[in-house]
Amino acid sequence: MIGMASILSALERASARYVVVGGLAVILHGHLRGTADIDLVIELSPENCTKALDALAGVGLRPRLPVDMKQFADPEIRRDWVENRNMMVFQLWDPERPGRSVDVFVREPFAFDELWSKSLVREVQGAHVRIASIEHLIAMKRVAGRPRDLDDIAALEQIARELDRSESGS
């Protein structure tokens, strides 16, 4: 994935509250599979949205839709996007490097404080990255229900069983 470390480092430097979900989180839990983007859940307070989006803009990311990036920080605009455009994620990409993209959830799939408190911190190319717990990833992937998600669920359940065995000493 192109420029992943710079994206995650920018969020860390901005002190933005975010959690990586999706394929990258599955990979960071130990299941090797391909992914084309970074999926993020950010805490949706206007202040945090502004910090996160400024950080993402600072590394060259722009909205795929013809909208001002700062509109994402407005809860009423996000609500309109969900209700009238069926938007689930706000897609960002780098016009200079089209393979670099980030999808930011327009709604928090769980209460953010719960997602944050159960998340794990991993180091990725020098950046400290928060990733969703296996429990939260499985729940999100059950909702999505695509074949790749079902494969990820099976892999995450296996990883969870192995972690349980190693923690119990068997």
Foldseek 3Di string as FASTA:
>chain_A
DPPPVQLLQLLVVLVAAKAWAPPVLLVVLPDDDDDQATEMEGQQALVSQVSNLVSNVVVQKDWPDPDDSSCLSDLVSLVCCCPPVVDQWGKIAHPVDRSYIYTYGSDDPDNSVVQRVQWDWDADPNGTHTYGDLVVNLVVLVVVVDPVSVVSNVVSVVSVVVVVCVVVVD
